[in-house]
Structures are given as C-alpha cells and as structure tokens.
Full PDB file with SEQRES, HELIX, SHEET, SSBOND, CRYST1, ORIGX, SCALE, CONECT and MASTER records, all heavy atoms in Angstrom:
SEQRES   1 A   36  CYS ASP ASN LEU ILE LEU LEU VAL SER GLY HIS ILE LEU          
SEQRES   2 A   36  ALA GLN GLY PRO ALA ALA ARG VAL LEU THR PRO GLU ASN          
SEQRES   3 A   36  LEU ALA ALA ALA PHE GLY VAL THR ALA ILE                      
HELIX    1 AA1 ALA A   18  VAL A   21  1                                   4    
HELIX    2 AA2 PRO A   24  PHE A   31  1                                   8    
SHEET    1 AA1 2 ASN A   3  VAL A   8  0                                        
SHEET    2 AA1 2 HIS A  11  PRO A  17 -1                                        
CRYST1    1.000    1.000    1.000  90.00  90.00  90.00 P 1           1          
ORIGX1      1.000000  0.000000  0.000000        0.00000                         
ORIGX2      0.000000  1.000000  0.000000        0.00000                         
ORIGX3      0.000000  0.000000  1.000000        0.00000                         
SCALE1      1.000000  0.000000  0.000000        0.00000                         
SCALE2      0.000000  1.000000  0.000000        0.00000                         
SCALE3      0.000000  0.000000  1.000000        0.00000                         
ATOM      1  N   CYS A   1     -65.937 -22.996 -40.575  1.00  0.00           N  
ATOM      2  CA  CYS A   1     -65.060 -22.708 -39.426  1.00  0.00           C  
ATOM      3  C   CYS A   1     -65.261 -23.705 -38.324  1.00  0.00           C  
ATOM      4  O   CYS A   1     -66.383 -24.090 -37.989  1.00  0.00           O  
ATOM      5  CB  CYS A   1     -65.320 -21.289 -38.923  1.00  0.00           C  
ATOM      6  SG  CYS A   1     -64.893 -20.010 -40.102  1.00  0.00           S  
ATOM      7  N   ASP A   2     -64.160 -24.115 -37.710  1.00  0.00           N  
ATOM      8  CA  ASP A   2     -64.232 -25.029 -36.580  1.00  0.00           C  
ATOM      9  C   ASP A   2     -64.562 -24.250 -35.320  1.00  0.00           C  
ATOM     10  O   ASP A   2     -65.393 -24.688 -34.507  1.00  0.00           O  
ATOM     11  CB  ASP A   2     -62.911 -25.765 -36.375  1.00  0.00           C  
ATOM     12  CG  ASP A   2     -62.616 -26.712 -37.532  1.00  0.00           C  
ATOM     13  OD1 ASP A   2     -63.549 -27.322 -38.049  1.00  0.00           O  
ATOM     14  OD2 ASP A   2     -61.451 -26.820 -37.912  1.00  0.00           O  
ATOM     15  N   ASN A   3     -63.907 -23.130 -35.089  1.00  0.00           N  
ATOM     16  CA  ASN A   3     -64.114 -22.325 -33.884  1.00  0.00           C  
ATOM     17  C   ASN A   3     -64.269 -20.859 -34.305  1.00  0.00           C  
ATOM     18  O   ASN A   3     -63.646 -20.412 -35.262  1.00  0.00           O  
ATOM     19  CB  ASN A   3     -62.944 -22.453 -32.941  1.00  0.00           C  
ATOM     20  CG  ASN A   3     -62.888 -23.815 -32.299  1.00  0.00           C  
ATOM     21  OD1 ASN A   3     -63.726 -24.114 -31.450  1.00  0.00           O  
ATOM     22  ND2 ASN A   3     -61.955 -24.649 -32.707  1.00  0.00           N  
ATOM     23  N   LEU A   4     -65.099 -20.148 -33.566  1.00  0.00           N  
ATOM     24  CA  LEU A   4     -65.389 -18.759 -33.860  1.00  0.00           C  
ATOM     25  C   LEU A   4     -65.324 -17.914 -32.606  1.00  0.00           C  
ATOM     26  O   LEU A   4     -65.524 -18.430 -31.493  1.00  0.00           O  
ATOM     27  CB  LEU A   4     -66.798 -18.604 -34.446  1.00  0.00           C  
ATOM     28  CG  LEU A   4     -67.118 -19.298 -35.742  1.00  0.00           C  
ATOM     29  CD1 LEU A   4     -68.604 -19.147 -36.039  1.00  0.00           C  
ATOM     30  CD2 LEU A   4     -66.309 -18.752 -36.854  1.00  0.00           C  
ATOM     31  N   ILE A   5     -65.112 -16.622 -32.804  1.00  0.00           N  
ATOM     32  CA  ILE A   5     -65.284 -15.631 -31.756  1.00  0.00           C  
ATOM     33  C   ILE A   5     -66.298 -14.629 -32.294  1.00  0.00           C  
ATOM     34  O   ILE A   5     -66.081 -14.077 -33.390  1.00  0.00           O  
ATOM     35  CB  ILE A   5     -63.971 -14.944 -31.391  1.00  0.00           C  
ATOM     36  CG1 ILE A   5     -62.994 -15.961 -30.795  1.00  0.00           C  
ATOM     37  CG2 ILE A   5     -64.211 -13.798 -30.403  1.00  0.00           C  
ATOM     38  CD1 ILE A   5     -61.602 -15.412 -30.523  1.00  0.00           C  
ATOM     39  N   LEU A   6     -67.365 -14.399 -31.584  1.00  0.00           N  
ATOM     40  CA  LEU A   6     -68.387 -13.441 -31.976  1.00  0.00           C  
ATOM     41  C   LEU A   6     -68.184 -12.189 -31.132  1.00  0.00           C  
ATOM     42  O   LEU A   6     -68.315 -12.216 -29.917  1.00  0.00           O  
ATOM     43  CB  LEU A   6     -69.792 -14.010 -31.757  1.00  0.00           C  
ATOM     44  CG  LEU A   6     -70.976 -13.109 -32.109  1.00  0.00           C  
ATOM     45  CD1 LEU A   6     -70.947 -12.718 -33.583  1.00  0.00           C  
ATOM     46  CD2 LEU A   6     -72.294 -13.831 -31.789  1.00  0.00           C  
ATOM     47  N   LEU A   7     -67.802 -11.092 -31.819  1.00  0.00           N  
ATOM     48  CA  LEU A   7     -67.528  -9.829 -31.148  1.00  0.00           C  
ATOM     49  C   LEU A   7     -68.699  -8.885 -31.281  1.00  0.00           C  
ATOM     50  O   LEU A   7     -69.323  -8.789 -32.332  1.00  0.00           O  
ATOM     51  CB  LEU A   7     -66.301  -9.158 -31.757  1.00  0.00           C  
ATOM     52  CG  LEU A   7     -64.975  -9.901 -31.635  1.00  0.00           C  
ATOM     53  CD1 LEU A   7     -63.905  -9.183 -32.445  1.00  0.00           C  
ATOM     54  CD2 LEU A   7     -64.576 -10.023 -30.180  1.00  0.00           C  
ATOM     55  N   VAL A   8     -68.961  -8.142 -30.212  1.00  0.00           N  
ATOM     56  CA  VAL A   8     -69.961  -7.067 -30.207  1.00  0.00           C  
ATOM     57  C   VAL A   8     -69.324  -5.860 -29.552  1.00  0.00           C  
ATOM     58  O   VAL A   8     -68.917  -5.953 -28.392  1.00  0.00           O  
ATOM     59  CB  VAL A   8     -71.249  -7.489 -29.455  1.00  0.00           C  
ATOM     60  CG1 VAL A   8     -72.226  -6.342 -29.413  1.00  0.00           C  
ATOM     61  CG2 VAL A   8     -71.868  -8.707 -30.094  1.00  0.00           C  
ATOM     62  N   SER A   9     -69.209  -4.793 -30.295  1.00  0.00           N  
ATOM     63  CA  SER A   9     -68.571  -3.569 -29.791  1.00  0.00           C  
ATOM     64  C   SER A   9     -67.211  -3.835 -29.173  1.00  0.00           C  
ATOM     65  O   SER A   9     -66.865  -3.294 -28.136  1.00  0.00           O  
ATOM     66  CB  SER A   9     -69.497  -2.900 -28.768  1.00  0.00           C  
ATOM     67  OG  SER A   9     -70.726  -2.545 -29.344  1.00  0.00           O  
ATOM     68  N   GLY A  10     -66.440  -4.713 -29.807  1.00  0.00           N  
ATOM     69  CA  GLY A  10     -65.099  -5.009 -29.345  1.00  0.00           C  
ATOM     70  C   GLY A  10     -65.005  -5.973 -28.170  1.00  0.00           C  
ATOM     71  O   GLY A  10     -63.920  -6.220 -27.671  1.00  0.00           O  
ATOM     72  N   HIS A  11     -66.133  -6.531 -27.754  1.00  0.00           N  
ATOM     73  CA  HIS A  11     -66.152  -7.460 -26.631  1.00  0.00           C  
ATOM     74  C   HIS A  11     -66.624  -8.837 -27.110  1.00  0.00           C  
ATOM     75  O   HIS A  11     -67.493  -8.924 -27.964  1.00  0.00           O  
ATOM     76  CB  HIS A  11     -67.077  -6.971 -25.512  1.00  0.00           C  
ATOM     77  CG  HIS A  11     -66.645  -5.647 -24.976  1.00  0.00           C  
ATOM     78  ND1 HIS A  11     -65.610  -5.508 -24.056  1.00  0.00           N  
ATOM     79  CD2 HIS A  11     -67.082  -4.377 -25.227  1.00  0.00           C  
ATOM     80  CE1 HIS A  11     -65.462  -4.235 -23.779  1.00  0.00           C  
ATOM     81  NE2 HIS A  11     -66.339  -3.531 -24.473  1.00  0.00           N  
ATOM     82  N   ILE A  12     -66.094  -9.880 -26.521  1.00  0.00           N  
ATOM     83  CA  ILE A  12     -66.471 -11.237 -26.910  1.00  0.00           C  
ATOM     84  C   ILE A  12     -67.829 -11.566 -26.313  1.00  0.00           C  
ATOM     85  O   ILE A  12     -68.030 -11.548 -25.099  1.00  0.00           O  
ATOM     86  CB  ILE A  12     -65.432 -12.257 -26.414  1.00  0.00           C  
ATOM     87  CG1 ILE A  12     -64.071 -12.008 -27.105  1.00  0.00           C  
ATOM     88  CG2 ILE A  12     -65.899 -13.686 -26.666  1.00  0.00           C  
ATOM     89  CD1 ILE A  12     -62.933 -12.848 -26.573  1.00  0.00           C  
ATOM     90  N   LEU A  13     -68.776 -11.884 -27.222  1.00  0.00           N  
ATOM     91  CA  LEU A  13     -70.092 -12.316 -26.804  1.00  0.00           C  
ATOM     92  C   LEU A  13     -70.101 -13.842 -26.656  1.00  0.00           C  
ATOM     93  O   LEU A  13     -70.701 -14.376 -25.742  1.00  0.00           O  
ATOM     94  CB  LEU A  13     -71.145 -11.890 -27.818  1.00  0.00           C  
ATOM     95  CG  LEU A  13     -72.560 -12.392 -27.566  1.00  0.00           C  
ATOM     96  CD1 LEU A  13     -73.134 -11.728 -26.314  1.00  0.00           C  
ATOM     97  CD2 LEU A  13     -73.457 -12.116 -28.757  1.00  0.00           C  
ATOM     98  N   ALA A  14     -69.429 -14.515 -27.579  1.00  0.00           N  
ATOM     99  CA  ALA A  14     -69.382 -15.989 -27.530  1.00  0.00           C  
ATOM    100  C   ALA A  14     -68.146 -16.457 -28.266  1.00  0.00           C  
ATOM    101  O   ALA A  14     -67.668 -15.800 -29.200  1.00  0.00           O  
ATOM    102  CB  ALA A  14     -70.627 -16.583 -28.174  1.00  0.00           C  
ATOM    103  N   GLN A  15     -67.615 -17.591 -27.850  1.00  0.00           N  
ATOM    104  CA  GLN A  15     -66.510 -18.210 -28.556  1.00  0.00           C  
ATOM    105  C   GLN A  15     -66.595 -19.692 -28.368  1.00  0.00           C  
ATOM    106  O   GLN A  15     -67.117 -20.202 -27.379  1.00  0.00           O  
ATOM    107  CB  GLN A  15     -65.160 -17.667 -28.129  1.00  0.00           C  
ATOM    108  CG  GLN A  15     -64.661 -18.121 -26.789  1.00  0.00           C  
ATOM    109  CD  GLN A  15     -63.310 -17.501 -26.466  1.00  0.00           C  
ATOM    110  OE1 GLN A  15     -63.208 -16.295 -26.287  1.00  0.00           O  
ATOM    111  NE2 GLN A  15     -62.284 -18.327 -26.369  1.00  0.00           N  
ATOM    112  N   GLY A  16     -66.108 -20.426 -29.396  1.00  0.00           N  
ATOM    113  CA  GLY A  16     -66.112 -21.875 -29.346  1.00  0.00           C  
ATOM    114  C   GLY A  16     -66.508 -22.436 -30.683  1.00  0.00           C  
ATOM    115  O   GLY A  16     -66.390 -21.769 -31.714  1.00  0.00           O  
ATOM    116  N   PRO A  17     -66.999 -23.685 -30.684  1.00  0.00           N  
ATOM    117  CA  PRO A  17     -67.419 -24.301 -31.947  1.00  0.00           C  
ATOM    118  C   PRO A  17     -68.505 -23.471 -32.622  1.00  0.00           C  
ATOM    119  O   PRO A  17     -69.372 -22.884 -31.967  1.00  0.00           O  
ATOM    120  CB  PRO A  17     -67.975 -25.658 -31.485  1.00  0.00           C  
ATOM    121  CG  PRO A  17     -67.304 -25.922 -30.179  1.00  0.00           C  
ATOM    122  CD  PRO A  17     -67.126 -24.562 -29.540  1.00  0.00           C  
ATOM    123  N   ALA A  18     -68.448 -23.449 -33.938  1.00  0.00           N  
ATOM    124  CA  ALA A  18     -69.348 -22.596 -34.731  1.00  0.00           C  
ATOM    125  C   ALA A  18     -70.816 -22.828 -34.352  1.00  0.00           C  
ATOM    126  O   ALA A  18     -71.585 -21.877 -34.217  1.00  0.00           O  
ATOM    127  CB  ALA A  18     -69.124 -22.837 -36.208  1.00  0.00           C  
ATOM    128  N   ALA A  19     -71.223 -24.060 -34.191  1.00  0.00           N  
ATOM    129  CA  ALA A  19     -72.625 -24.354 -33.907  1.00  0.00           C  
ATOM    130  C   ALA A  19     -73.080 -23.824 -32.544  1.00  0.00           C  
ATOM    131  O   ALA A  19     -74.251 -23.555 -32.324  1.00  0.00           O  
ATOM    132  CB  ALA A  19     -72.884 -25.869 -33.966  1.00  0.00           C  
ATOM    133  N   ARG A  20     -72.141 -23.622 -31.623  1.00  0.00           N  
ATOM    134  CA  ARG A  20     -72.490 -23.072 -30.316  1.00  0.00           C  
ATOM    135  C   ARG A  20     -72.402 -21.556 -30.264  1.00  0.00           C  
ATOM    136  O   ARG A  20     -72.970 -20.923 -29.389  1.00  0.00           O  
ATOM    137  CB  ARG A  20     -71.596 -23.666 -29.212  1.00  0.00           C  
ATOM    138  CG  ARG A  20     -72.129 -25.035 -28.787  1.00  0.00           C  
ATOM    139  CD  ARG A  20     -71.521 -25.442 -27.475  1.00  0.00           C  
ATOM    140  NE  ARG A  20     -70.341 -26.287 -27.762  1.00  0.00           N  
ATOM    141  CZ  ARG A  20     -69.335 -26.438 -26.965  1.00  0.00           C  
ATOM    142  NH1 ARG A  20     -69.300 -25.840 -25.787  1.00  0.00           N  
ATOM    143  NH2 ARG A  20     -68.331 -27.216 -27.285  1.00  0.00           N  
ATOM    144  N   VAL A  21     -71.674 -20.982 -31.204  1.00  0.00           N  
ATOM    145  CA  VAL A  21     -71.508 -19.521 -31.265  1.00  0.00           C  
ATOM    146  C   VAL A  21     -72.625 -18.894 -32.091  1.00  0.00           C  
ATOM    147  O   VAL A  21     -73.232 -17.898 -31.697  1.00  0.00           O  
ATOM    148  CB  VAL A  21     -70.109 -19.135 -31.809  1.00  0.00           C  
ATOM    149  CG1 VAL A  21     -70.017 -17.648 -32.063  1.00  0.00           C  
ATOM    150  CG2 VAL A  21     -69.039 -19.613 -30.839  1.00  0.00           C  
ATOM    151  N   LEU A  22     -72.873 -19.463 -33.282  1.00  0.00           N  
ATOM    152  CA  LEU A  22     -73.867 -18.875 -34.183  1.00  0.00           C  
ATOM    153  C   LEU A  22     -75.246 -19.494 -33.907  1.00  0.00           C  
ATOM    154  O   LEU A  22     -75.772 -20.291 -34.671  1.00  0.00           O  
ATOM    155  CB  LEU A  22     -73.458 -19.099 -35.637  1.00  0.00           C  
ATOM    156  CG  LEU A  22     -72.175 -18.384 -36.037  1.00  0.00           C  
ATOM    157  CD1 LEU A  22     -71.825 -18.679 -37.487  1.00  0.00           C  
ATOM    158  CD2 LEU A  22     -72.301 -16.872 -35.820  1.00  0.00           C  
ATOM    159  N   THR A  23     -75.781 -19.099 -32.785  1.00  0.00           N  
ATOM    160  CA  THR A  23     -77.124 -19.536 -32.373  1.00  0.00           C  
ATOM    161  C   THR A  23     -78.116 -18.400 -32.625  1.00  0.00           C  
ATOM    162  O   THR A  23     -77.708 -17.236 -32.663  1.00  0.00           O  
ATOM    163  CB  THR A  23     -77.180 -19.922 -30.902  1.00  0.00           C  
ATOM    164  OG1 THR A  23     -76.928 -18.746 -30.131  1.00  0.00           O  
ATOM    165  CG2 THR A  23     -76.166 -21.032 -30.580  1.00  0.00           C  
ATOM    166  N   PRO A  24     -79.381 -18.710 -32.765  1.00  0.00           N  
ATOM    167  CA  PRO A  24     -80.375 -17.632 -32.910  1.00  0.00           C  
ATOM    168  C   PRO A  24     -80.308 -16.628 -31.755  1.00  0.00           C  
ATOM    169  O   PRO A  24     -80.424 -15.404 -31.991  1.00  0.00           O  
ATOM    170  CB  PRO A  24     -81.708 -18.380 -32.943  1.00  0.00           C  
ATOM    171  CG  PRO A  24     -81.360 -19.706 -33.529  1.00  0.00           C  
ATOM    172  CD  PRO A  24     -79.995 -20.027 -32.938  1.00  0.00           C  
ATOM    173  N   GLU A  25     -80.068 -17.106 -30.563  1.00  0.00           N  
ATOM    174  CA  GLU A  25     -79.998 -16.215 -29.406  1.00  0.00           C  
ATOM    175  C   GLU A  25     -78.809 -15.274 -29.489  1.00  0.00           C  
ATOM    176  O   GLU A  25     -78.906 -14.068 -29.213  1.00  0.00           O  
ATOM    177  CB  GLU A  25     -79.949 -17.031 -28.100  1.00  0.00           C  
ATOM    178  CG  GLU A  25     -81.157 -17.896 -27.851  1.00  0.00           C  
ATOM    179  CD  GLU A  25     -81.203 -19.182 -28.654  1.00  0.00           C  
ATOM    180  OE1 GLU A  25     -80.184 -19.629 -29.187  1.00  0.00           O  
ATOM    181  OE2 GLU A  25     -82.320 -19.759 -28.736  1.00  0.00           O  
ATOM    182  N   ASN A  26     -77.638 -15.815 -29.850  1.00  0.00           N  
ATOM    183  CA  ASN A  26     -76.450 -14.973 -29.948  1.00  0.00           C  
ATOM    184  C   ASN A  26     -76.570 -13.966 -31.097  1.00  0.00           C  
ATOM    185  O   ASN A  26     -76.138 -12.826 -30.973  1.00  0.00           O  
ATOM    186  CB  ASN A  26     -75.187 -15.824 -30.139  1.00  0.00           C  
ATOM    187  CG  ASN A  26     -74.755 -16.502 -28.871  1.00  0.00           C  
ATOM    188  OD1 ASN A  26     -75.171 -16.147 -27.777  1.00  0.00           O  
ATOM    189  ND2 ASN A  26     -73.907 -17.507 -29.000  1.00  0.00           N  
ATOM    190  N   LEU A  27     -77.128 -14.387 -32.221  1.00  0.00           N  
ATOM    191  CA  LEU A  27     -77.275 -13.502 -33.354  1.00  0.00           C  
ATOM    192  C   LEU A  27     -78.291 -12.397 -33.050  1.00  0.00           C  
ATOM    193  O   LEU A  27     -78.113 -11.245 -33.470  1.00  0.00           O  
ATOM    194  CB  LEU A  27     -77.662 -14.274 -34.605  1.00  0.00           C  
ATOM    195  CG  LEU A  27     -76.582 -15.240 -35.086  1.00  0.00           C  
ATOM    196  CD1 LEU A  27     -77.107 -16.093 -36.231  1.00  0.00           C  
ATOM    197  CD2 LEU A  27     -75.327 -14.515 -35.485  1.00  0.00           C  
ATOM    198  N   ALA A  28     -79.320 -12.712 -32.283  1.00  0.00           N  
ATOM    199  CA  ALA A  28     -80.278 -11.673 -31.860  1.00  0.00           C  
ATOM    200  C   ALA A  28     -79.587 -10.673 -30.939  1.00  0.00           C  
ATOM    201  O   ALA A  28     -79.771  -9.464 -31.081  1.00  0.00           O  
ATOM    202  CB  ALA A  28     -81.466 -12.313 -31.163  1.00  0.00           C  
ATOM    203  N   ALA A  29     -78.778 -11.160 -30.009  1.00  0.00           N  
ATOM    204  CA  ALA A  29     -78.083 -10.278 -29.085  1.00  0.00           C  
ATOM    205  C   ALA A  29     -77.056  -9.409 -29.804  1.00  0.00           C  
ATOM    206  O   ALA A  29     -76.891  -8.216 -29.491  1.00  0.00           O  
ATOM    207  CB  ALA A  29     -77.407 -11.090 -27.987  1.00  0.00           C  
ATOM    208  N   ALA A  30     -76.357  -9.973 -30.764  1.00  0.00           N  
ATOM    209  CA  ALA A  30     -75.278  -9.268 -31.453  1.00  0.00           C  
ATOM    210  C   ALA A  30     -75.782  -8.285 -32.504  1.00  0.00           C  
ATOM    211  O   ALA A  30     -75.267  -7.176 -32.606  1.00  0.00           O  
ATOM    212  CB  ALA A  30     -74.317 -10.265 -32.111  1.00  0.00           C  
ATOM    213  N   PHE A  31     -76.773  -8.701 -33.270  1.00  0.00           N  
ATOM    214  CA  PHE A  31     -77.184  -7.930 -34.443  1.00  0.00           C  
ATOM    215  C   PHE A  31     -78.634  -7.518 -34.476  1.00  0.00           C  
ATOM    216  O   PHE A  31     -79.075  -6.815 -35.397  1.00  0.00           O  
ATOM    217  CB  PHE A  31     -76.875  -8.731 -35.739  1.00  0.00           C  
ATOM    218  CG  PHE A  31     -75.452  -9.192 -35.821  1.00  0.00           C  
ATOM    219  CD1 PHE A  31     -75.137 -10.531 -35.748  1.00  0.00           C  
ATOM    220  CD2 PHE A  31     -74.424  -8.269 -35.974  1.00  0.00           C  
ATOM    221  CE1 PHE A  31     -73.835 -10.965 -35.827  1.00  0.00           C  
ATOM    222  CE2 PHE A  31     -73.108  -8.678 -36.061  1.00  0.00           C  
ATOM    223  CZ  PHE A  31     -72.805 -10.036 -35.985  1.00  0.00           C  
ATOM    224  N   GLY A  32     -79.410  -7.957 -33.487  1.00  0.00           N  
ATOM    225  CA  GLY A  32     -80.843  -7.613 -33.465  1.00  0.00           C  
ATOM    226  C   GLY A  32     -81.625  -8.221 -34.588  1.00  0.00           C  
ATOM    227  O   GLY A  32     -82.521  -7.593 -35.129  1.00  0.00           O  
ATOM    228  N   VAL A  33     -81.255  -9.439 -34.973  1.00  0.00           N  
ATOM    229  CA  VAL A  33     -81.951 -10.134 -36.068  1.00  0.00           C  
ATOM    230  C   VAL A  33     -82.568 -11.431 -35.580  1.00  0.00           C  
ATOM    231  O   VAL A  33     -82.165 -11.981 -34.547  1.00  0.00           O  
ATOM    232  CB  VAL A  33     -81.009 -10.442 -37.259  1.00  0.00           C  
ATOM    233  CG1 VAL A  33     -80.453  -9.158 -37.852  1.00  0.00           C  
ATOM    234  CG2 VAL A  33     -79.875 -11.361 -36.821  1.00  0.00           C  
ATOM    235  N   THR A  34     -83.534 -11.898 -36.346  1.00  0.00           N  
ATOM    236  CA  THR A  34     -84.093 -13.216 -36.117  1.00  0.00           C  
ATOM    237  C   THR A  34     -83.429 -14.159 -37.101  1.00  0.00           C  
ATOM    238  O   THR A  34     -83.400 -13.896 -38.310  1.00  0.00           O  
ATOM    239  CB  THR A  34     -85.627 -13.223 -36.348  1.00  0.00           C  
ATOM    240  OG1 THR A  34     -86.206 -12.277 -35.463  1.00  0.00           O  
ATOM    241  CG2 THR A  34     -86.209 -14.596 -36.114  1.00  0.00           C  
ATOM    242  N   ALA A  35     -82.861 -15.254 -36.617  1.00  0.00           N  
ATOM    243  CA  ALA A  35     -82.145 -16.201 -37.474  1.00  0.00           C  
ATOM    244  C   ALA A  35     -82.713 -17.594 -37.299  1.00  0.00           C  
ATOM    245  O   ALA A  35     -83.161 -17.940 -36.208  1.00  0.00           O  
ATOM    246  CB  ALA A  35     -80.658 -16.188 -37.136  1.00  0.00           C  
ATOM    247  N   ILE A  36     -82.639 -18.330 -38.371  1.00  0.00           N  
ATOM    248  CA  ILE A  36     -83.053 -19.739 -38.341  1.00  0.00           C  
ATOM    249  C   ILE A  36     -81.849 -20.585 -38.772  1.00  0.00           C  
ATOM    250  O   ILE A  36     -81.261 -20.327 -39.821  1.00  0.00           O  
ATOM    251  CB  ILE A  36     -84.237 -20.009 -39.297  1.00  0.00           C  
ATOM    252  CG1 ILE A  36     -85.460 -19.212 -38.835  1.00  0.00           C  
ATOM    253  CG2 ILE A  36     -84.533 -21.505 -39.379  1.00  0.00           C  
ATOM    254  CD1 ILE A  36     -86.610 -19.249 -39.821  1.00  0.00           C  
TER     255      ILE A  36                                                      
MASTER        0    0    0    2    2    0    0    6  254    1    0    3          
END                                                                             
C-alpha cells in the first residue's frame, strides 16, 4: 500500500505513507502489541 489510514475505535490514529503509519509506536497504541 502507498497510503494507509489506521483506525482505532472508528477514529483515525494515523494516516499517510505506509512506513509512517505502521510504526511500532502506532501498532502499540492501536493493538497493544510489540512490533518490529
């Protein structure tokens, strides 16, 4: 994907280029997981 929108409970947590949206920090905030 070129651009993404990361939703949490129906609200936008992050949007933009995939590498800036799918960060360890955003994934922790959205799903409570540790990501590498």
